[in-house]
Every structure is written in structure tokens, then in C-alpha cells.
C-alpha atoms as a PDB file:
ATOM      1  CA  MET A   1      -0.273 -57.335   4.085  1.00  0.00           C
ATOM      2  CA  ALA A   2      -1.916 -53.809   3.291  1.00  0.00           C
ATOM      3  CA  ASN A   3      -3.702 -52.350   0.253  1.00  0.00           C
ATOM      4  CA  VAL A   4      -1.802 -49.171  -1.204  1.00  0.00           C
ATOM      5  CA  GLN A   5      -4.188 -46.368  -2.307  1.00  0.00           C
ATOM      6  CA  PHE A   6      -2.978 -44.260  -5.190  1.00  0.00           C
ATOM      7  CA  HIS A   7      -3.993 -39.788  -5.229  1.00  0.00           C
ATOM      8  CA  LYS A   8      -3.071 -37.312  -7.612  1.00  0.00           C
ATOM      9  CA  VAL A   9      -3.727 -34.008  -6.131  1.00  0.00           C
ATOM     10  CA  ALA A  10      -2.262 -30.276  -6.867  1.00  0.00           C
ATOM     11  CA  THR A  11      -1.229 -29.632  -3.514  1.00  0.00           C
ATOM     12  CA  LEU A  12      -0.203 -31.934  -0.732  1.00  0.00           C
ATOM     13  CA  PRO A  13      -3.754 -32.651   2.003  1.00  0.00           C
ATOM     14  CA  GLY A  14      -2.862 -31.354   5.320  1.00  0.00           C
ATOM     15  CA  THR A  15      -3.626 -35.432   6.679  1.00  0.00           C
ATOM     16  CA  LEU A  16      -2.618 -38.050   4.972  1.00  0.00           C
ATOM     17  CA  GLN A  17      -3.644 -41.351   4.408  1.00  0.00           C
ATOM     18  CA  PRO A  18      -1.589 -44.252   5.603  1.00  0.00           C
ATOM     19  CA  ASN A  19      -0.468 -46.900   3.267  1.00  0.00           C
ATOM     20  CA  ALA A  20      -0.672 -44.360   0.374  1.00  0.00           C
ATOM     21  CA  PHE A  21       1.046 -42.842  -2.523  1.00  0.00           C
ATOM     22  CA  TYR A  22       0.447 -39.403  -3.585  1.00  0.00           C
ATOM     23  CA  TYR A  23       1.474 -37.684  -6.782  1.00  0.00           C
ATOM     24  CA  VAL A  24       1.420 -34.258  -6.738  1.00  0.00           C
ATOM     25  CA  ASP A  25       0.791 -32.348 -10.407  1.00  0.00           C
ATOM     26  CA  ASN A  26       2.176 -28.622  -9.643  1.00  0.00           C
ATOM     27  CA  GLY A  27       1.865 -26.931 -12.939  1.00  0.00           C
ATOM     28  CA  ASN A  28       5.882 -26.710 -13.676  1.00  0.00           C
ATOM     29  CA  TYR A  29       6.424 -29.986 -12.389  1.00  0.00           C
ATOM     30  CA  ALA A  30       5.224 -33.221 -10.124  1.00  0.00           C
ATOM     31  CA  GLU A  31       6.424 -34.706  -6.175  1.00  0.00           C
ATOM     32  CA  SER A  32       6.068 -38.263  -5.736  1.00  0.00           C
ATOM     33  CA  TYR A  33       5.228 -39.328  -1.449  1.00  0.00           C
ATOM     34  CA  VAL A  34       4.854 -42.387  -0.008  1.00  0.00           C
ATOM     35  CA  THR A  35       2.914 -42.675   3.058  1.00  0.00           C
ATOM     36  CA  ASN A  36       3.969 -45.610   5.907  1.00  0.00           C
ATOM     37  CA  GLN A  37       0.955 -47.707   8.056  1.00  0.00           C
ATOM     38  CA  ALA A  38       1.343 -43.973  10.484  1.00  0.00           C
ATOM     39  CA  GLY A  39      -0.018 -41.800   7.170  1.00  0.00           C
ATOM     40  CA  VAL A  40       3.453 -40.200   7.079  1.00  0.00           C
ATOM     41  CA  ALA A  41       5.025 -39.184   4.081  1.00  0.00           C
ATOM     42  CA  LYS A  42       8.239 -39.947   2.749  1.00  0.00           C
ATOM     43  CA  ALA A  43       9.583 -37.646  -0.350  1.00  0.00           C
ATOM     44  CA  LEU A  44      10.514 -38.914  -3.708  1.00  0.00           C
ATOM     45  CA  GLY A  45      12.972 -38.036  -5.579  1.00  0.00           C
ATOM     46  CA  ASN A  46      11.038 -34.444  -5.814  1.00  0.00           C
ATOM     47  CA  SER A  47      11.549 -30.710  -4.801  1.00  0.00           C
ATOM     48  CA  GLY A  48      11.737 -31.000  -0.916  1.00  0.00           C
ATOM     49  CA  MET A  49      14.729 -33.890  -1.676  1.00  0.00           C
ATOM     50  CA  ILE A  50      16.397 -31.967  -4.592  1.00  0.00           C
ATOM     51  CA  ASN A  51      16.433 -28.895  -1.708  1.00  0.00           C
ATOM     52  CA  ALA A  52      17.336 -30.745   0.630  1.00  0.00           C
ATOM     53  CA  LEU A  53      20.865 -32.164  -1.559  1.00  0.00           C
ATOM     54  CA  ILE A  54      21.298 -28.691  -2.485  1.00  0.00           C
ATOM     55  CA  ASN A  55      21.571 -26.917   0.979  1.00  0.00           C
ATOM     56  CA  ASP A  56      23.547 -29.941   1.964  1.00  0.00           C
ATOM     57  CA  ALA A  57      26.437 -29.059  -0.978  1.00  0.00           C
ATOM     58  CA  LEU A  58      25.771 -25.389  -0.039  1.00  0.00           C
ATOM     59  CA  SER A  59      26.563 -25.333   3.272  1.00  0.00           C
ATOM     60  CA  SER A  60      29.878 -27.256   2.451  1.00  0.00           C
ATOM     61  CA  LEU A  61      30.952 -23.423   0.707  1.00  0.00           C
ATOM     62  CA  PRO A  62      32.816 -21.349   3.119  1.00  0.00           C
ATOM     63  CA  SER A  63      30.743 -19.423   5.699  1.00  0.00           C
ATOM     64  CA  THR A  64      31.927 -15.815   4.921  1.00  0.00           C
ATOM     65  CA  GLY A  65      29.789 -13.927   2.318  1.00  0.00           C
ATOM     66  CA  ALA A  66      30.068 -14.608  -1.298  1.00  0.00           C
ATOM     67  CA  PRO A  67      30.468 -11.733  -4.216  1.00  0.00           C
ATOM     68  CA  VAL A  68      27.533 -12.611  -7.030  1.00  0.00           C
ATOM     69  CA  LEU A  69      28.763 -11.839 -10.426  1.00  0.00           C
ATOM     70  CA  PHE A  70      26.759 -11.921 -13.633  1.00  0.00           C
ATOM     71  CA  VAL A  71      28.159 -13.299 -16.582  1.00  0.00           C
ATOM     72  CA  ALA A  72      26.887 -13.812 -19.888  1.00  0.00           C
ATOM     73  CA  ASP A  73      27.425 -17.604 -20.596  1.00  0.00           C
ATOM     74  CA  ILE A  74      29.069 -20.756 -19.418  1.00  0.00           C
ATOM     75  CA  VAL A  75      32.317 -19.525 -21.160  1.00  0.00           C
ATOM     76  CA  ALA A  76      32.738 -16.420 -19.399  1.00  0.00           C
ATOM     77  CA  ARG A  77      31.968 -18.359 -16.195  1.00  0.00           C
ATOM     78  CA  ASP A  78      34.459 -21.020 -16.848  1.00  0.00           C
ATOM     79  CA  ALA A  79      36.903 -18.237 -17.788  1.00  0.00           C
ATOM     80  CA  LEU A  80      36.512 -16.724 -14.101  1.00  0.00           C
ATOM     81  CA  GLU A  81      39.484 -17.707 -11.504  1.00  0.00           C
ATOM     82  CA  PRO A  82      37.749 -17.613  -8.393  1.00  0.00           C
ATOM     83  CA  ASP A  83      40.320 -17.485  -5.281  1.00  0.00           C
ATOM     84  CA  GLN A  84      36.877 -17.671  -2.717  1.00  0.00           C
ATOM     85  CA  ALA A  85      33.341 -18.649  -2.866  1.00  0.00           C
ATOM     86  CA  VAL A  86      31.590 -16.814  -5.033  1.00  0.00           C
ATOM     87  CA  PHE A  87      28.522 -17.185  -6.748  1.00  0.00           C
ATOM     88  CA  VAL A  88      27.737 -16.283 -10.518  1.00  0.00           C
ATOM     89  CA  LEU A  89      24.752 -15.940 -12.234  1.00  0.00           C
ATOM     90  CA  VAL A  90      24.730 -17.038 -16.190  1.00  0.00           C
ATOM     91  CA  GLN A  91      22.470 -15.627 -18.392  1.00  0.00           C
ATOM     92  CA  ASP A  92      22.569 -18.122 -20.658  1.00  0.00           C
ATOM     93  CA  ALA A  93      23.445 -21.114 -19.324  1.00  0.00           C
ATOM     94  CA  THR A  94      22.396 -24.012 -22.114  1.00  0.00           C
ATOM     95  CA  SER A  95      26.041 -25.122 -22.671  1.00  0.00           C
ATOM     96  CA  ASP A  96      25.945 -26.717 -19.767  1.00  0.00           C
ATOM     97  CA  PRO A  97      23.579 -30.260 -20.467  1.00  0.00           C
ATOM     98  CA  THR A  98      21.868 -30.125 -17.294  1.00  0.00           C
ATOM     99  CA  VAL A  99      20.058 -26.402 -18.140  1.00  0.00           C
ATOM    100  CA  THR A 100      17.273 -27.030 -21.279  1.00  0.00           C
ATOM    101  CA  ALA A 101      16.777 -22.783 -20.917  1.00  0.00           C
ATOM    102  CA  GLY A 102      17.215 -19.938 -19.473  1.00  0.00           C
ATOM    103  CA  ALA A 103      19.727 -19.155 -16.850  1.00  0.00           C
ATOM    104  CA  ALA A 104      21.278 -20.567 -13.940  1.00  0.00           C
ATOM    105  CA  LEU A 105      22.840 -19.418 -10.733  1.00  0.00           C
ATOM    106  CA  TYR A 106      26.080 -21.167 -10.004  1.00  0.00           C
ATOM    107  CA  ALA A 107      28.237 -21.280  -6.835  1.00  0.00           C
ATOM    108  CA  TRP A 108      32.545 -21.870  -6.428  1.00  0.00           C
ATOM    109  CA  ASN A 109      33.866 -23.780  -4.186  1.00  0.00           C
ATOM    110  CA  PRO A 110      36.812 -23.485  -3.840  1.00  0.00           C
ATOM    111  CA  ALA A 111      37.643 -26.574  -1.521  1.00  0.00           C
ATOM    112  CA  THR A 112      37.056 -28.672  -4.475  1.00  0.00           C
ATOM    113  CA  SER A 113      37.863 -26.365  -7.667  1.00  0.00           C
ATOM    114  CA  LEU A 114      34.261 -26.956  -8.735  1.00  0.00           C
ATOM    115  CA  TRP A 115      31.156 -25.553  -9.800  1.00  0.00           C
ATOM    116  CA  LEU A 116      27.663 -26.490  -8.124  1.00  0.00           C
ATOM    117  CA  LYS A 117      24.211 -25.662  -9.782  1.00  0.00           C
ATOM    118  CA  VAL A 118      21.813 -23.988  -6.975  1.00  0.00           C
ATOM    119  CA  ALA A 119      19.332 -22.866  -9.100  1.00  0.00           C
ATOM    120  CA  GLU A 120      17.502 -22.764 -13.016  1.00  0.00           C
ATOM    121  CA  TYR A 121      15.991 -19.575 -13.788  1.00  0.00           C
ATOM    122  CA  GLU A 122      13.755 -20.381 -17.264  1.00  0.00           C
ATOM    123  CA  SER A 123      13.784 -16.870 -19.842  1.00  0.00           C
ATOM    124  CA  MET A 124      10.666 -15.181 -19.390  1.00  0.00           C
ATOM    125  CA  ASP A 125      11.705 -13.161 -22.714  1.00  0.00           C
ATOM    126  CA  VAL A 126       8.483 -13.147 -24.630  1.00  0.00           C
ATOM    127  CA  GLN A 127       8.115 -11.322 -28.127  1.00  0.00           C
ATOM    128  CA  LEU A 128       4.657 -10.536 -29.638  1.00  0.00           C
ATOM    129  CA  THR A 129       4.417  -9.463 -32.974  1.00  0.00           C
ATOM    130  CA  TRP A 130       1.353  -8.459 -34.869  1.00  0.00           C
ATOM    131  CA  ALA A 131       1.649 -11.350 -37.748  1.00  0.00           C
ATOM    132  CA  ALA A 132       1.742 -13.418 -34.576  1.00  0.00           C
ATOM    133  CA  ILE A 133      -1.954 -12.325 -33.502  1.00  0.00           C
ATOM    134  CA  GLN A 134      -4.731 -14.856 -34.604  1.00  0.00           C
ATOM    135  CA  GLY A 135      -8.002 -13.110 -34.838  1.00  0.00           C
ATOM    136  CA  LYS A 136      -6.384  -9.983 -35.357  1.00  0.00           C
ATOM    137  CA  PRO A 137      -8.026  -6.884 -37.223  1.00  0.00           C
ATOM    138  CA  SER A 138      -7.406  -6.718 -41.133  1.00  0.00           C
ATOM    139  CA  SER A 139      -5.913  -3.119 -40.475  1.00  0.00           C
ATOM    140  CA  SER A 140      -2.473  -2.766 -39.405  1.00  0.00           C
ATOM    141  CA  PRO A 141      -1.442  -1.043 -36.445  1.00  0.00           C
ATOM    142  CA  ALA A 142      -0.571   1.811 -38.139  1.00  0.00           C
ATOM    143  CA  GLN A 143      -4.279   2.341 -39.672  1.00  0.00           C
ATOM    144  CA  ILE A 144      -6.052   1.423 -36.197  1.00  0.00           C
ATOM    145  CA  ASP A 145      -3.559   4.227 -34.494  1.00  0.00           C
ATOM    146  CA  THR A 146      -4.959   6.994 -37.750  1.00  0.00           C
ATOM    147  CA  ALA A 147      -8.773   5.443 -37.081  1.00  0.00           C
ATOM    148  CA  VAL A 148      -8.014   6.527 -33.439  1.00  0.00           C
ATOM    149  CA  SER A 149      -6.647   9.444 -33.782  1.00  0.00           C
ATOM    150  CA  GLN A 150      -9.144  10.644 -36.227  1.00  0.00           C
ATOM    151  CA  SER A 151     -12.614   9.317 -33.678  1.00  0.00           C
ATOM    152  CA  HIS A 152     -15.541  10.802 -34.245  1.00  0.00           C
ATOM    153  CA  THR A 153     -15.610  14.550 -33.090  1.00  0.00           C
ATOM    154  CA  HIS A 154     -18.610  17.087 -33.147  1.00  0.00           C
ATOM    155  CA  ALA A 155     -19.770  20.218 -31.608  1.00  0.00           C
ATOM    156  CA  ASN A 156     -21.609  18.508 -28.621  1.00  0.00           C
ATOM    157  CA  LYS A 157     -20.001  15.538 -28.242  1.00  0.00           C
ATOM    158  CA  ALA A 158     -19.021  16.811 -24.887  1.00  0.00           C
ATOM    159  CA  THR A 159     -22.709  16.579 -24.068  1.00  0.00           C
ATOM    160  CA  LEU A 160     -23.677  13.390 -25.769  1.00  0.00           C
ATOM    161  CA  ASP A 161     -20.751  12.034 -23.967  1.00  0.00           C
ATOM    162  CA  LEU A 162     -22.714  12.524 -20.512  1.00  0.00           C
ATOM    163  CA  ILE A 163     -25.960  10.484 -21.689  1.00  0.00           C
ATOM    164  CA  GLY A 164     -25.987   6.922 -19.957  1.00  0.00           C
ATOM    165  CA  THR A 165     -27.663   4.335 -18.604  1.00  0.00           C
ATOM    166  CA  GLY A 166     -27.978   3.443 -14.993  1.00  0.00           C
ATOM    167  CA  ALA A 167     -29.810   0.833 -13.758  1.00  0.00           C
ATOM    168  CA  ASP A 168     -33.561   2.596 -13.913  1.00  0.00           C
ATOM    169  CA  GLY A 169     -32.532   3.520 -17.137  1.00  0.00           C
ATOM    170  CA  LEU A 170     -31.392   6.710 -19.140  1.00  0.00           C
ATOM    171  CA  THR A 171     -28.746   8.932 -17.231  1.00  0.00           C
ATOM    172  CA  TYR A 172     -26.904  12.410 -17.345  1.00  0.00           C
ATOM    173  CA  ASN A 173     -24.212  13.838 -16.475  1.00  0.00           C
ATOM    174  CA  GLY A 174     -24.577   9.818 -13.836  1.00  0.00           C
ATOM    175  CA  SER A 175     -28.550  11.217 -12.814  1.00  0.00           C
ATOM    176  CA  PRO A 176     -31.518   9.454 -14.017  1.00  0.00           C
ATOM    177  CA  VAL A 177     -33.397  11.070 -16.436  1.00  0.00           C
ATOM    178  CA  GLY A 178     -36.923  11.512 -15.439  1.00  0.00           C
ATOM    179  CA  SER A 179     -39.467  10.476 -18.564  1.00  0.00           C
ATOM    180  CA  SER A 180     -43.042  11.816 -18.524  1.00  0.00           C
ATOM    181  CA  TRP A 181     -46.221  10.277 -20.490  1.00  0.00           C
ATOM    182  CA  ALA A 182     -48.809  12.275 -22.346  1.00  0.00           C
ATOM    183  CA  THR A 183     -51.794   9.726 -21.802  1.00  0.00           C
ATOM    184  CA  ASN A 184     -54.558  12.413 -23.591  1.00  0.00           C
ATOM    185  CA  ASN A 185     -54.722  10.496 -26.372  1.00  0.00           C
ATOM    186  CA  TRP A 186     -55.077   6.654 -25.181  1.00  0.00           C
END
């Protein structure tokens, strides 16, 4: 009887160990593989397997080009009465119990009169409010805008803005500034 090795990796290695179990943590999802004595992997209920199932299901649809429709929700999708193969992108598919958040793409199969979920898309709507920012300045956005618009100005500001620092010290307009020492009082 062979011993089984367990590996937790971020990506499946190019060369696999024989008699091993690989847990691949891809960030948003995980995959599992088991290898035989020759180090050849078999997928266990992972995205590769799911993609193969989806491709099989899609291959049962007619081969003619199907239009893509956009609807707001599952109710709007179900109100459609397609007489041909059609793809429907549902903006809010959360009424489908298999969708946890976001949108989903469905294909209508006229041969079975059923909708087939092809893909899910998690919502990417992001809203950032001033109140939600941690460690923010105590000034309001309006106060900050006012302070920036009233930033330091004076007659020789343009000249002073030319003064900077470089690898060898002080610069003026990007060129090194020379210096000299009066050593007569040393």
C-alpha cells in the first residue's frame, strides 16, 4: 500500500508527485487533485470539472449564433418567451438560490425549455464615503479643498519652487548648487 502525500499550494506544480493529494488555494476558490502512481492528476469537483460540465451543457444548445439580452433580475428573465437559443445577462440574479451575490449569465435551451446558468459575476460596485474612512483627517472634505485652494503663495514662490535636493546635496532648477568655504578664520 502506498503512502499518500498532502500538498497545499497556490498553483498546481508542473511536475506532480505520485500518490498525492493537492489542495490548490487560488484566493477566491480552491481546487483539489489526486494523483495516481504515475503522478497523473484527476480533478475533484473543481473549476476544471465544472467548466467541463458547462461546456457539455452548452454543446447541447443549437450551434447557430444566439443573441445576448440584458435584464434587471430573474423575474425579467423568466418573463422572456424565447423561441430560439438566447443568452441573458441578469444584472441582479440573487433570486436564483444558486447565486449568492451579483449577476449571472444564463442560456435558454429551446429543446428542453430550461434556463442553464453559464457563469456568475460578483458585483463590483464600490461606494466609499467620508464617514467610512478610518484614520481620516479631522477636517471635512470642503475644508481640505479650501485649504488647498488657498495654499501658500508669495512673490518669489516660483523661484523657491526651483530649489530642491539631489544625490550630492542642494539643487537649483535641477542642477547642483556649488558651495565654497571661507577658511581664513579657521
